Amino acid sequence: MYVKGVGPARAAMLEAKGLKTVEDLLTYAPFRYEDRSNVKRIDKLAPGEMATVLAEVRTTRMSGFRRRGLGMFVQTGARERLLAAEREKFLSEQWPRIEATIRRLGLTPEELLAAVKGEA
């Protein structure tokens, strides 16, 4: 029996890892788990920090011979476009529920501004 898309070379590589059946593959634990919930702005990253960054990648290039690296060049204005899209999504998807809650609780604009300023 075979799995479509798995040729002899890939099958040999999988078998070298002890993966001979589909069940073996399904129960195989990955080398590492990467938590992609840590979303940060590029300018807030620390050297070597693992994080998810939202950006529009304009070009890439491979560099180095022994140590492979990936260079990314993010277009100017990508942050502003991403924020504009996030604002639009917030106003269309989340704000209606928030506004309904504000009305239901009878909160006034003054009370909301005081809460934002930390005066509540």
PDB file of N, CA and C in Angstrom:
ATOM      1  N   MET A   1       0.847  -1.169   0.000  1.00  0.00           N
ATOM      2  CA  MET A   1       0.000   0.000   0.000  1.00  0.00           C
ATOM      3  C   MET A   1       0.897   1.238   0.000  1.00  0.00           C
ATOM      4  N   TYR A   2       0.409   2.323  -0.608  1.00  0.00           N
ATOM      5  CA  TYR A   2       1.192   3.548  -0.691  1.00  0.00           C
ATOM      6  C   TYR A   2       0.288   4.744  -0.418  1.00  0.00           C
ATOM      7  N   VAL A   3       0.917   5.863  -0.162  1.00  0.00           N
ATOM      8  CA  VAL A   3       0.205   7.121   0.019  1.00  0.00           C
ATOM      9  C   VAL A   3       0.520   7.990  -1.173  1.00  0.00           C
ATOM     10  N   LYS A   4      -0.519   8.527  -1.816  1.00  0.00           N
ATOM     11  CA  LYS A   4      -0.331   9.351  -3.001  1.00  0.00           C
ATOM     12  C   LYS A   4       0.585  10.533  -2.665  1.00  0.00           C
ATOM     13  N   GLY A   5       1.549  10.782  -3.516  1.00  0.00           N
ATOM     14  CA  GLY A   5       2.474  11.889  -3.317  1.00  0.00           C
ATOM     15  C   GLY A   5       3.731  11.519  -2.559  1.00  0.00           C
ATOM     16  N   VAL A   6       3.795  10.299  -2.030  1.00  0.00           N
ATOM     17  CA  VAL A   6       4.993   9.850  -1.320  1.00  0.00           C
ATOM     18  C   VAL A   6       5.736   8.883  -2.234  1.00  0.00           C
ATOM     19  N   GLY A   7       6.833   9.379  -2.797  1.00  0.00           N
ATOM     20  CA  GLY A   7       7.625   8.559  -3.699  1.00  0.00           C
ATOM     21  C   GLY A   7       8.662   7.759  -2.936  1.00  0.00           C
ATOM     22  N   PRO A   8       9.491   7.003  -3.650  1.00  0.00           N
ATOM     23  CA  PRO A   8      10.495   6.151  -3.018  1.00  0.00           C
ATOM     24  C   PRO A   8      11.482   6.922  -2.130  1.00  0.00           C
ATOM     25  N   ALA A   9      11.926   8.080  -2.574  1.00  0.00           N
ATOM     26  CA  ALA A   9      12.896   8.850  -1.787  1.00  0.00           C
ATOM     27  C   ALA A   9      12.270   9.322  -0.474  1.00  0.00           C
ATOM     28  N   ARG A  10      11.057   9.861  -0.542  1.00  0.00           N
ATOM     29  CA  ARG A  10      10.384  10.331   0.672  1.00  0.00           C
ATOM     30  C   ARG A  10      10.047   9.152   1.583  1.00  0.00           C
ATOM     31  N   ALA A  11       9.633   8.042   0.992  1.00  0.00           N
ATOM     32  CA  ALA A  11       9.324   6.855   1.788  1.00  0.00           C
ATOM     33  C   ALA A  11      10.563   6.367   2.538  1.00  0.00           C
ATOM     34  N   ALA A  12      11.729   6.416   1.896  1.00  0.00           N
ATOM     35  CA  ALA A  12      12.975   5.993   2.536  1.00  0.00           C
ATOM     36  C   ALA A  12      13.322   6.933   3.689  1.00  0.00           C
ATOM     37  N   MET A  13      13.128   8.243   3.489  1.00  0.00           N
ATOM     38  CA  MET A  13      13.414   9.224   4.537  1.00  0.00           C
ATOM     39  C   MET A  13      12.479   9.005   5.729  1.00  0.00           C
ATOM     40  N   LEU A  14      11.203   8.755   5.459  1.00  0.00           N
ATOM     41  CA  LEU A  14      10.240   8.515   6.535  1.00  0.00           C
ATOM     42  C   LEU A  14      10.557   7.213   7.274  1.00  0.00           C
ATOM     43  N   GLU A  15      10.917   6.193   6.523  1.00  0.00           N
ATOM     44  CA  GLU A  15      11.242   4.905   7.147  1.00  0.00           C
ATOM     45  C   GLU A  15      12.476   5.018   8.036  1.00  0.00           C
ATOM     46  N   ALA A  16      13.438   5.867   7.637  1.00  0.00           N
ATOM     47  CA  ALA A  16      14.629   6.082   8.464  1.00  0.00           C
ATOM     48  C   ALA A  16      14.263   6.693   9.821  1.00  0.00           C
ATOM     49  N   LYS A  17      13.136   7.381   9.868  1.00  0.00           N
ATOM     50  CA  LYS A  17      12.655   7.963  11.130  1.00  0.00           C
ATOM     51  C   LYS A  17      11.707   7.013  11.859  1.00  0.00           C
ATOM     52  N   GLY A  18      11.550   5.809  11.324  1.00  0.00           N
ATOM     53  CA  GLY A  18      10.682   4.824  11.959  1.00  0.00           C
ATOM     54  C   GLY A  18       9.225   4.955  11.566  1.00  0.00           C
ATOM     55  N   LEU A  19       8.953   5.688  10.503  1.00  0.00           N
ATOM     56  CA  LEU A  19       7.572   5.912  10.054  1.00  0.00           C
ATOM     57  C   LEU A  19       7.295   5.012   8.852  1.00  0.00           C
ATOM     58  N   LYS A  20       6.614   3.892   9.140  1.00  0.00           N
ATOM     59  CA  LYS A  20       6.354   2.924   8.076  1.00  0.00           C
ATOM     60  C   LYS A  20       4.887   2.866   7.673  1.00  0.00           C
ATOM     61  N   THR A  21       4.002   3.284   8.567  1.00  0.00           N
ATOM     62  CA  THR A  21       2.569   3.231   8.272  1.00  0.00           C
ATOM     63  C   THR A  21       1.963   4.623   8.441  1.00  0.00           C
ATOM     64  N   VAL A  22       0.747   4.792   7.942  1.00  0.00           N
ATOM     65  CA  VAL A  22       0.032   6.059   8.118  1.00  0.00           C
ATOM     66  C   VAL A  22      -0.191   6.315   9.605  1.00  0.00           C
ATOM     67  N   GLU A  23      -0.471   5.256  10.363  1.00  0.00           N
ATOM     68  CA  GLU A  23      -0.650   5.410  11.810  1.00  0.00           C
ATOM     69  C   GLU A  23       0.627   5.953  12.455  1.00  0.00           C
ATOM     70  N   ASP A  24       1.795   5.443  12.031  1.00  0.00           N
ATOM     71  CA  ASP A  24       3.069   5.960  12.547  1.00  0.00           C
ATOM     72  C   ASP A  24       3.175   7.466  12.289  1.00  0.00           C
ATOM     73  N   LEU A  25       2.795   7.872  11.101  1.00  0.00           N
ATOM     74  CA  LEU A  25       2.887   9.282  10.726  1.00  0.00           C
ATOM     75  C   LEU A  25       1.926  10.135  11.550  1.00  0.00           C
ATOM     76  N   LEU A  26       0.730   9.646  11.772  1.00  0.00           N
ATOM     77  CA  LEU A  26      -0.270  10.395  12.538  1.00  0.00           C
ATOM     78  C   LEU A  26       0.096  10.534  14.010  1.00  0.00           C
ATOM     79  N   THR A  27       0.832   9.594  14.546  1.00  0.00           N
ATOM     80  CA  THR A  27       1.186   9.634  15.966  1.00  0.00           C
ATOM     81  C   THR A  27       2.615  10.148  16.196  1.00  0.00           C
ATOM     82  N   TYR A  28       3.283  10.587  15.145  1.00  0.00           N
ATOM     83  CA  TYR A  28       4.650  11.079  15.238  1.00  0.00           C
ATOM     84  C   TYR A  28       4.672  12.446  15.916  1.00  0.00           C
ATOM     85  N   ALA A  29       5.452  12.591  16.965  1.00  0.00           N
ATOM     86  CA  ALA A  29       5.581  13.873  17.670  1.00  0.00           C
ATOM     87  C   ALA A  29       6.582  14.754  16.928  1.00  0.00           C
ATOM     88  N   PRO A  30       6.237  15.998  16.676  1.00  0.00           N
ATOM     89  CA  PRO A  30       7.167  16.882  15.955  1.00  0.00           C
ATOM     90  C   PRO A  30       8.405  17.187  16.794  1.00  0.00           C
ATOM     91  N   PHE A  31       9.448  17.632  16.116  1.00  0.00           N
ATOM     92  CA  PHE A  31      10.705  17.991  16.771  1.00  0.00           C
ATOM     93  C   PHE A  31      10.489  19.091  17.797  1.00  0.00           C
ATOM     94  N   ARG A  32       9.675  20.068  17.450  1.00  0.00           N
ATOM     95  CA  ARG A  32       9.356  21.155  18.375  1.00  0.00           C
ATOM     96  C   ARG A  32       7.981  21.709  18.038  1.00  0.00           C
ATOM     97  N   TYR A  33       7.420  22.379  19.021  1.00  0.00           N
ATOM     98  CA  TYR A  33       6.128  23.036  18.842  1.00  0.00           C
ATOM     99  C   TYR A  33       6.365  24.531  18.873  1.00  0.00           C
ATOM    100  N   GLU A  34       5.844  25.246  17.908  1.00  0.00           N
ATOM    101  CA  GLU A  34       5.999  26.689  17.871  1.00  0.00           C
ATOM    102  C   GLU A  34       4.664  27.343  18.172  1.00  0.00           C
ATOM    103  N   ASP A  35       4.624  28.084  19.263  1.00  0.00           N
ATOM    104  CA  ASP A  35       3.420  28.803  19.661  1.00  0.00           C
ATOM    105  C   ASP A  35       3.326  30.069  18.821  1.00  0.00           C
ATOM    106  N   ARG A  36       2.343  30.149  17.967  1.00  0.00           N
ATOM    107  CA  ARG A  36       2.215  31.288  17.068  1.00  0.00           C
ATOM    108  C   ARG A  36       1.229  32.339  17.595  1.00  0.00           C
ATOM    109  N   SER A  37       0.881  32.239  18.885  1.00  0.00           N
ATOM    110  CA  SER A  37      -0.051  33.220  19.453  1.00  0.00           C
ATOM    111  C   SER A  37       0.658  34.481  19.933  1.00  0.00           C
ATOM    112  N   ASN A  38       1.996  34.478  19.964  1.00  0.00           N
ATOM    113  CA  ASN A  38       2.764  35.645  20.396  1.00  0.00           C
ATOM    114  C   ASN A  38       2.930  36.586  19.206  1.00  0.00           C
ATOM    115  N   VAL A  39       1.936  37.453  18.980  1.00  0.00           N
ATOM    116  CA  VAL A  39       1.957  38.371  17.843  1.00  0.00           C
ATOM    117  C   VAL A  39       2.563  39.687  18.308  1.00  0.00           C
ATOM    118  N   LYS A  40       3.583  40.151  17.579  1.00  0.00           N
ATOM    119  CA  LYS A  40       4.266  41.397  17.937  1.00  0.00           C
ATOM    120  C   LYS A  40       4.545  42.231  16.702  1.00  0.00           C
ATOM    121  N   ARG A  41       4.729  43.527  16.942  1.00  0.00           N
ATOM    122  CA  ARG A  41       5.174  44.415  15.876  1.00  0.00           C
ATOM    123  C   ARG A  41       6.670  44.194  15.667  1.00  0.00           C
ATOM    124  N   ILE A  42       7.128  44.387  14.456  1.00  0.00           N
ATOM    125  CA  ILE A  42       8.539  44.166  14.137  1.00  0.00           C
ATOM    126  C   ILE A  42       9.441  45.003  15.036  1.00  0.00           C
ATOM    127  N   ASP A  43       9.058  46.268  15.274  1.00  0.00           N
ATOM    128  CA  ASP A  43       9.922  47.143  16.072  1.00  0.00           C
ATOM    129  C   ASP A  43       9.932  46.788  17.555  1.00  0.00           C
ATOM    130  N   LYS A  44       9.103  45.835  17.985  1.00  0.00           N
ATOM    131  CA  LYS A  44       9.061  45.425  19.385  1.00  0.00           C
ATOM    132  C   LYS A  44       9.765  44.093  19.625  1.00  0.00           C
ATOM    133  N   LEU A  45      10.335  43.496  18.575  1.00  0.00           N
ATOM    134  CA  LEU A  45      11.012  42.214  18.715  1.00  0.00           C
ATOM    135  C   LEU A  45      12.387  42.368  19.344  1.00  0.00           C
ATOM    136  N   ALA A  46      12.761  41.399  20.161  1.00  0.00           N
ATOM    137  CA  ALA A  46      14.108  41.334  20.719  1.00  0.00           C
ATOM    138  C   ALA A  46      14.921  40.354  19.870  1.00  0.00           C
ATOM    139  N   PRO A  47      16.237  40.537  19.782  1.00  0.00           N
ATOM    140  CA  PRO A  47      17.062  39.611  18.994  1.00  0.00           C
ATOM    141  C   PRO A  47      16.867  38.167  19.457  1.00  0.00           C
ATOM    142  N   GLY A  48      16.589  37.277  18.510  1.00  0.00           N
ATOM    143  CA  GLY A  48      16.413  35.862  18.801  1.00  0.00           C
ATOM    144  C   GLY A  48      15.041  35.485  19.324  1.00  0.00           C
ATOM    145  N   GLU A  49      14.164  36.456  19.512  1.00  0.00           N
ATOM    146  CA  GLU A  49      12.829  36.175  20.056  1.00  0.00           C
ATOM    147  C   GLU A  49      11.952  35.497  19.010  1.00  0.00           C
ATOM    148  N   MET A  50      11.190  34.485  19.439  1.00  0.00           N
ATOM    149  CA  MET A  50      10.236  33.816  18.567  1.00  0.00           C
ATOM    150  C   MET A  50       8.915  34.544  18.686  1.00  0.00           C
ATOM    151  N   ALA A  51       8.385  34.997  17.564  1.00  0.00           N
ATOM    152  CA  ALA A  51       7.105  35.697  17.584  1.00  0.00           C
ATOM    153  C   ALA A  51       6.481  35.618  16.200  1.00  0.00           C
ATOM    154  N   THR A  52       5.204  35.876  16.145  1.00  0.00           N
ATOM    155  CA  THR A  52       4.491  35.972  14.884  1.00  0.00           C
ATOM    156  C   THR A  52       4.410  37.439  14.520  1.00  0.00           C
ATOM    157  N   VAL A  53       4.811  37.777  13.312  1.00  0.00           N
ATOM    158  CA  VAL A  53       4.797  39.154  12.851  1.00  0.00           C
ATOM    159  C   VAL A  53       3.894  39.227  11.632  1.00  0.00           C
ATOM    160  N   LEU A  54       2.977  40.195  11.636  1.00  0.00           N
ATOM    161  CA  LEU A  54       2.122  40.413  10.483  1.00  0.00           C
ATOM    162  C   LEU A  54       2.752  41.491   9.625  1.00  0.00           C
ATOM    163  N   ALA A  55       3.078  41.161   8.391  1.00  0.00           N
ATOM    164  CA  ALA A  55       3.722  42.113   7.503  1.00  0.00           C
ATOM    165  C   ALA A  55       3.496  41.690   6.067  1.00  0.00           C
ATOM    166  N   GLU A  56       3.634  42.623   5.170  1.00  0.00           N
ATOM    167  CA  GLU A  56       3.574  42.328   3.747  1.00  0.00           C
ATOM    168  C   GLU A  56       4.998  42.171   3.254  1.00  0.00           C
ATOM    169  N   VAL A  57       5.368  40.976   2.853  1.00  0.00           N
ATOM    170  CA  VAL A  57       6.726  40.705   2.392  1.00  0.00           C
ATOM    171  C   VAL A  57       6.806  41.043   0.911  1.00  0.00           C
ATOM    172  N   ARG A  58       7.698  41.959   0.583  1.00  0.00           N
ATOM    173  CA  ARG A  58       7.826  42.413  -0.800  1.00  0.00           C
ATOM    174  C   ARG A  58       8.856  41.613  -1.585  1.00  0.00           C
ATOM    175  N   THR A  59       9.983  41.292  -0.979  1.00  0.00           N
ATOM    176  CA  THR A  59      11.007  40.491  -1.655  1.00  0.00           C
ATOM    177  C   THR A  59      11.708  39.630  -0.618  1.00  0.00           C
ATOM    178  N   THR A  60      12.335  38.567  -1.087  1.00  0.00           N
ATOM    179  CA  THR A  60      13.143  37.715  -0.222  1.00  0.00           C
ATOM    180  C   THR A  60      14.384  37.312  -0.984  1.00  0.00           C
ATOM    181  N   ARG A  61      15.391  36.909  -0.235  1.00  0.00           N
ATOM    182  CA  ARG A  61      16.577  36.353  -0.881  1.00  0.00           C
ATOM    183  C   ARG A  61      17.236  35.385   0.086  1.00  0.00           C
ATOM    184  N   MET A  62      17.819  34.355  -0.456  1.00  0.00           N
ATOM    185  CA  MET A  62      18.561  33.394   0.349  1.00  0.00           C
ATOM    186  C   MET A  62      20.001  33.871   0.412  1.00  0.00           C
ATOM    187  N   SER A  63      20.615  33.713   1.581  1.00  0.00           N
ATOM    188  CA  SER A  63      22.002  34.130   1.704  1.00  0.00           C
ATOM    189  C   SER A  63      22.780  33.081   2.472  1.00  0.00           C
ATOM    190  N   GLY A  64      24.068  33.120   2.313  1.00  0.00           N
ATOM    191  CA  GLY A  64      24.929  32.190   3.033  1.00  0.00           C
ATOM    192  C   GLY A  64      25.026  30.850   2.327  1.00  0.00           C
ATOM    193  N   PHE A  65      26.148  30.185   2.520  1.00  0.00           N
ATOM    194  CA  PHE A  65      26.332  28.869   1.922  1.00  0.00           C
ATOM    195  C   PHE A  65      26.151  27.789   2.974  1.00  0.00           C
ATOM    196  N   ARG A  66      26.863  27.888   4.077  1.00  0.00           N
ATOM    197  CA  ARG A  66      26.761  26.868   5.117  1.00  0.00           C
ATOM    198  C   ARG A  66      25.586  27.142   6.048  1.00  0.00           C
ATOM    199  N   ARG A  67      25.417  28.388   6.411  1.00  0.00           N
ATOM    200  CA  ARG A  67      24.297  28.756   7.271  1.00  0.00           C
ATOM    201  C   ARG A  67      23.238  29.403   6.411  1.00  0.00           C
ATOM    202  N   ARG A  68      22.149  28.735   6.262  1.00  0.00           N
ATOM    203  CA  ARG A  68      21.091  29.287   5.434  1.00  0.00           C
ATOM    204  C   ARG A  68      20.363  30.371   6.206  1.00  0.00           C
ATOM    205  N   GLY A  69      20.098  31.459   5.535  1.00  0.00           N
ATOM    206  CA  GLY A  69      19.354  32.549   6.145  1.00  0.00           C
ATOM    207  C   GLY A  69      18.331  33.061   5.154  1.00  0.00           C
ATOM    208  N   LEU A  70      17.331  33.694   5.660  1.00  0.00           N
ATOM    209  CA  LEU A  70      16.302  34.256   4.800  1.00  0.00           C
ATOM    210  C   LEU A  70      16.212  35.727   5.118  1.00  0.00           C
ATOM    211  N   GLY A  71      16.405  36.562   4.124  1.00  0.00           N
ATOM    212  CA  GLY A  71      16.268  37.998   4.320  1.00  0.00           C
ATOM    213  C   GLY A  71      14.902  38.436   3.840  1.00  0.00           C
ATOM    214  N   MET A  72      14.217  39.225   4.642  1.00  0.00           N
ATOM    215  CA  MET A  72      12.907  39.734   4.242  1.00  0.00           C
ATOM    216  C   MET A  72      12.950  41.253   4.238  1.00  0.00           C
ATOM    217  N   PHE A  73      12.354  41.830   3.251  1.00  0.00           N
ATOM    218  CA  PHE A  73      12.285  43.267   3.143  1.00  0.00           C
ATOM    219  C   PHE A  73      10.810  43.644   3.146  1.00  0.00           C
ATOM    220  N   VAL A  74      10.394  44.321   4.188  1.00  0.00           N
ATOM    221  CA  VAL A  74       8.979  44.671   4.349  1.00  0.00           C
ATOM    222  C   VAL A  74       8.764  46.054   3.768  1.00  0.00           C
ATOM    223  N   GLN A  75       7.729  46.184   2.964  1.00  0.00           N
ATOM    224  CA  GLN A  75       7.451  47.440   2.280  1.00  0.00           C
ATOM    225  C   GLN A  75       7.051  48.533   3.261  1.00  0.00           C
ATOM    226  N   THR A  76       7.532  49.727   3.010  1.00  0.00           N
ATOM    227  CA  THR A  76       7.142  50.887   3.801  1.00  0.00           C
ATOM    228  C   THR A  76       5.632  51.057   3.704  1.00  0.00           C
ATOM    229  N   GLY A  77       5.017  51.315   4.840  1.00  0.00           N
ATOM    230  CA  GLY A  77       3.566  51.504   4.863  1.00  0.00           C
ATOM    231  C   GLY A  77       2.795  50.232   5.144  1.00  0.00           C
ATOM    232  N   ALA A  78       3.492  49.084   5.235  1.00  0.00           N
ATOM    233  CA  ALA A  78       2.795  47.817   5.493  1.00  0.00           C
ATOM    234  C   ALA A  78       2.078  47.869   6.839  1.00  0.00           C
ATOM    235  N   ARG A  79       2.733  48.445   7.854  1.00  0.00           N
ATOM    236  CA  ARG A  79       2.137  48.534   9.188  1.00  0.00           C
ATOM    237  C   ARG A  79       0.839  49.334   9.142  1.00  0.00           C
ATOM    238  N   GLU A  80       0.863  50.454   8.443  1.00  0.00           N
ATOM    239  CA  GLU A  80      -0.334  51.292   8.352  1.00  0.00           C
ATOM    240  C   GLU A  80      -1.476  50.563   7.645  1.00  0.00           C
ATOM    241  N   ARG A  81      -1.155  49.832   6.573  1.00  0.00           N
ATOM    242  CA  ARG A  81      -2.197  49.077   5.862  1.00  0.00           C
ATOM    243  C   ARG A  81      -2.760  47.962   6.724  1.00  0.00           C
ATOM    244  N   LEU A  82      -1.874  47.284   7.476  1.00  0.00           N
ATOM    245  CA  LEU A  82      -2.343  46.219   8.364  1.00  0.00           C
ATOM    246  C   LEU A  82      -3.226  46.793   9.473  1.00  0.00           C
ATOM    247  N   LEU A  83      -2.829  47.933  10.041  1.00  0.00           N
ATOM    248  CA  LEU A  83      -3.647  48.564  11.083  1.00  0.00           C
ATOM    249  C   LEU A  83      -4.990  49.026  10.528  1.00  0.00           C
ATOM    250  N   ALA A  84      -4.998  49.578   9.333  1.00  0.00           N
ATOM    251  CA  ALA A  84      -6.253  50.015   8.718  1.00  0.00           C
ATOM    252  C   ALA A  84      -7.192  48.825   8.514  1.00  0.00           C
ATOM    253  N   ALA A  85      -6.647  47.712   8.070  1.00  0.00           N
ATOM    254  CA  ALA A  85      -7.466  46.506   7.879  1.00  0.00           C
ATOM    255  C   ALA A  85      -7.981  45.991   9.218  1.00  0.00           C
ATOM    256  N   GLU A  86      -7.132  46.049  10.245  1.00  0.00           N
ATOM    257  CA  GLU A  86      -7.550  45.594  11.576  1.00  0.00           C
ATOM    258  C   GLU A  86      -8.630  46.511  12.149  1.00  0.00           C
ATOM    259  N   ARG A  87      -8.471  47.832  11.949  1.00  0.00           N
ATOM    260  CA  ARG A  87      -9.503  48.779  12.404  1.00  0.00           C
ATOM    261  C   ARG A  87     -10.841  48.489  11.726  1.00  0.00           C
ATOM    262  N   GLU A  88     -10.791  48.287  10.416  1.00  0.00           N
ATOM    263  CA  GLU A  88     -12.014  48.011   9.653  1.00  0.00           C
ATOM    264  C   GLU A  88     -12.699  46.743  10.161  1.00  0.00           C
ATOM    265  N   LYS A  89     -11.901  45.714  10.413  1.00  0.00           N
ATOM    266  CA  LYS A  89     -12.455  44.455  10.922  1.00  0.00           C
ATOM    267  C   LYS A  89     -13.057  44.658  12.312  1.00  0.00           C
ATOM    268  N   PHE A  90     -12.351  45.416  13.166  1.00  0.00           N
ATOM    269  CA  PHE A  90     -12.851  45.701  14.514  1.00  0.00           C
ATOM    270  C   PHE A  90     -14.191  46.418  14.438  1.00  0.00           C
ATOM    271  N   LEU A  91     -14.268  47.470  13.609  1.00  0.00           N
ATOM    272  CA  LEU A  91     -15.491  48.257  13.533  1.00  0.00           C
ATOM    273  C   LEU A  91     -16.663  47.474  12.942  1.00  0.00           C
ATOM    274  N   SER A  92     -16.366  46.563  12.037  1.00  0.00           N
ATOM    275  CA  SER A  92     -17.459  45.804  11.409  1.00  0.00           C
ATOM    276  C   SER A  92     -17.850  44.553  12.181  1.00  0.00           C
ATOM    277  N   GLU A  93     -16.879  43.927  12.893  1.00  0.00           N
ATOM    278  CA  GLU A  93     -17.177  42.653  13.549  1.00  0.00           C
ATOM    279  C   GLU A  93     -17.311  42.754  15.069  1.00  0.00           C
ATOM    280  N   GLN A  94     -16.443  43.523  15.723  1.00  0.00           N
ATOM    281  CA  GLN A  94     -16.450  43.555  17.184  1.00  0.00           C
ATOM    282  C   GLN A  94     -17.229  44.739  17.749  1.00  0.00           C
ATOM    283  N   TRP A  95     -17.124  45.915  17.130  1.00  0.00           N
ATOM    284  CA  TRP A  95     -17.761  47.106  17.676  1.00  0.00           C
ATOM    285  C   TRP A  95     -19.278  46.973  17.834  1.00  0.00           C
ATOM    286  N   PRO A  96     -20.004  46.389  16.900  1.00  0.00           N
ATOM    287  CA  PRO A  96     -21.456  46.284  17.106  1.00  0.00           C
ATOM    288  C   PRO A  96     -21.823  45.573  18.414  1.00  0.00           C
ATOM    289  N   ARG A  97     -21.094  44.521  18.787  1.00  0.00           N
ATOM    290  CA  ARG A  97     -21.375  43.828  20.056  1.00  0.00           C
ATOM    291  C   ARG A  97     -21.010  44.706  21.247  1.00  0.00           C
ATOM    292  N   ILE A  98     -19.879  45.402  21.146  1.00  0.00           N
ATOM    293  CA  ILE A  98     -19.449  46.279  22.233  1.00  0.00           C
ATOM    294  C   ILE A  98     -20.451  47.416  22.407  1.00  0.00           C
ATOM    295  N   GLU A  99     -20.870  48.008  21.303  1.00  0.00           N
ATOM    296  CA  GLU A  99     -21.838  49.103  21.358  1.00  0.00           C
ATOM    297  C   GLU A  99     -23.156  48.648  21.971  1.00  0.00           C
ATOM    298  N   ALA A 100     -23.591  47.454  21.613  1.00  0.00           N
ATOM    299  CA  ALA A 100     -24.829  46.917  22.181  1.00  0.00           C
ATOM    300  C   ALA A 100     -24.695  46.734  23.694  1.00  0.00           C
ATOM    301  N   THR A 101     -23.544  46.289  24.151  1.00  0.00           N
ATOM    302  CA  THR A 101     -23.302  46.121  25.588  1.00  0.00           C
ATOM    303  C   THR A 101     -23.300  47.472  26.290  1.00  0.00           C
ATOM    304  N   ILE A 102     -22.659  48.470  25.688  1.00  0.00           N
ATOM    305  CA  ILE A 102     -22.635  49.816  26.259  1.00  0.00           C
ATOM    306  C   ILE A 102     -24.059  50.345  26.417  1.00  0.00           C
ATOM    307  N   ARG A 103     -24.878  50.182  25.372  1.00  0.00           N
ATOM    308  CA  ARG A 103     -26.275  50.658  25.430  1.00  0.00           C
ATOM    309  C   ARG A 103     -27.065  49.893  26.489  1.00  0.00           C
ATOM    310  N   ARG A 104     -26.861  48.576  26.541  1.00  0.00           N
ATOM    311  CA  ARG A 104     -27.596  47.746  27.512  1.00  0.00           C
ATOM    312  C   ARG A 104     -27.264  48.149  28.941  1.00  0.00           C
ATOM    313  N   LEU A 105     -25.993  48.503  29.182  1.00  0.00           N
ATOM    314  CA  LEU A 105     -25.569  48.899  30.522  1.00  0.00           C
ATOM    315  C   LEU A 105     -25.874  50.359  30.832  1.00  0.00           C
ATOM    316  N   GLY A 106     -26.279  51.118  29.825  1.00  0.00           N
ATOM    317  CA  GLY A 106     -26.612  52.517  30.032  1.00  0.00           C
ATOM    318  C   GLY A 106     -25.405  53.390  30.319  1.00  0.00           C
ATOM    319  N   LEU A 107     -24.245  53.021  29.792  1.00  0.00           N
ATOM    320  CA  LEU A 107     -23.034  53.808  30.014  1.00  0.00           C
ATOM    321  C   LEU A 107     -23.074  55.082  29.176  1.00  0.00           C
ATOM    322  N   THR A 108     -22.631  56.180  29.758  1.00  0.00           N
ATOM    323  CA  THR A 108     -22.596  57.455  29.045  1.00  0.00           C
ATOM    324  C   THR A 108     -21.219  57.648  28.419  1.00  0.00           C
ATOM    325  N   PRO A 109     -21.121  58.518  27.416  1.00  0.00           N
ATOM    326  CA  PRO A 109     -19.808  58.799  26.829  1.00  0.00           C
ATOM    327  C   PRO A 109     -18.806  59.300  27.871  1.00  0.00           C
ATOM    328  N   GLU A 110     -19.273  60.087  28.834  1.00  0.00           N
ATOM    329  CA  GLU A 110     -18.391  60.598  29.886  1.00  0.00           C
ATOM    330  C   GLU A 110     -17.823  59.450  30.722  1.00  0.00           C
ATOM    331  N   GLU A 111     -18.672  58.482  31.059  1.00  0.00           N
ATOM    332  CA  GLU A 111     -18.218  57.328  31.843  1.00  0.00           C
ATOM    333  C   GLU A 111     -17.191  56.511  31.059  1.00  0.00           C
ATOM    334  N   LEU A 112     -17.424  56.357  29.773  1.00  0.00           N
ATOM    335  CA  LEU A 112     -16.484  55.601  28.943  1.00  0.00           C
ATOM    336  C   LEU A 112     -15.135  56.313  28.850  1.00  0.00           C
ATOM    337  N   LEU A 113     -15.159  57.628  28.641  1.00  0.00           N
ATOM    338  CA  LEU A 113     -13.908  58.386  28.566  1.00  0.00           C
ATOM    339  C   LEU A 113     -13.165  58.348  29.896  1.00  0.00           C
ATOM    340  N   ALA A 114     -13.903  58.426  30.988  1.00  0.00           N
ATOM    341  CA  ALA A 114     -13.268  58.351  32.312  1.00  0.00           C
ATOM    342  C   ALA A 114     -12.609  56.989  32.488  1.00  0.00           C
ATOM    343  N   ALA A 115     -13.246  55.922  32.024  1.00  0.00           N
ATOM    344  CA  ALA A 115     -12.679  54.583  32.140  1.00  0.00           C
ATOM    345  C   ALA A 115     -11.411  54.463  31.299  1.00  0.00           C
ATOM    346  N   VAL A 116     -11.416  55.061  30.110  1.00  0.00           N
ATOM    347  CA  VAL A 116     -10.246  55.021  29.240  1.00  0.00           C
ATOM    348  C   VAL A 116      -9.082  55.767  29.899  1.00  0.00           C
ATOM    349  N   LYS A 117      -9.386  56.858  30.575  1.00  0.00           N
ATOM    350  CA  LYS A 117      -8.356  57.677  31.227  1.00  0.00           C
ATOM    351  C   LYS A 117      -7.937  57.085  32.572  1.00  0.00           C
ATOM    352  N   GLY A 118      -8.612  56.016  33.000  1.00  0.00           N
ATOM    353  CA  GLY A 118      -8.265  55.389  34.284  1.00  0.00           C
ATOM    354  C   GLY A 118      -8.872  56.087  35.482  1.00  0.00           C
ATOM    355  N   GLU A 119      -9.920  56.865  35.244  1.00  0.00           N
ATOM    356  CA  GLU A 119     -10.564  57.618  36.310  1.00  0.00           C
ATOM    357  C   GLU A 119     -11.806  56.914  36.853  1.00  0.00           C
ATOM    358  N   ALA A 120     -12.137  55.797  36.284  1.00  0.00           N
ATOM    359  CA  ALA A 120     -13.370  55.105  36.715  1.00  0.00           C
ATOM    360  C   ALA A 120     -13.159  54.310  37.963  1.00  0.00           C
TER     361      ALA A 120
END
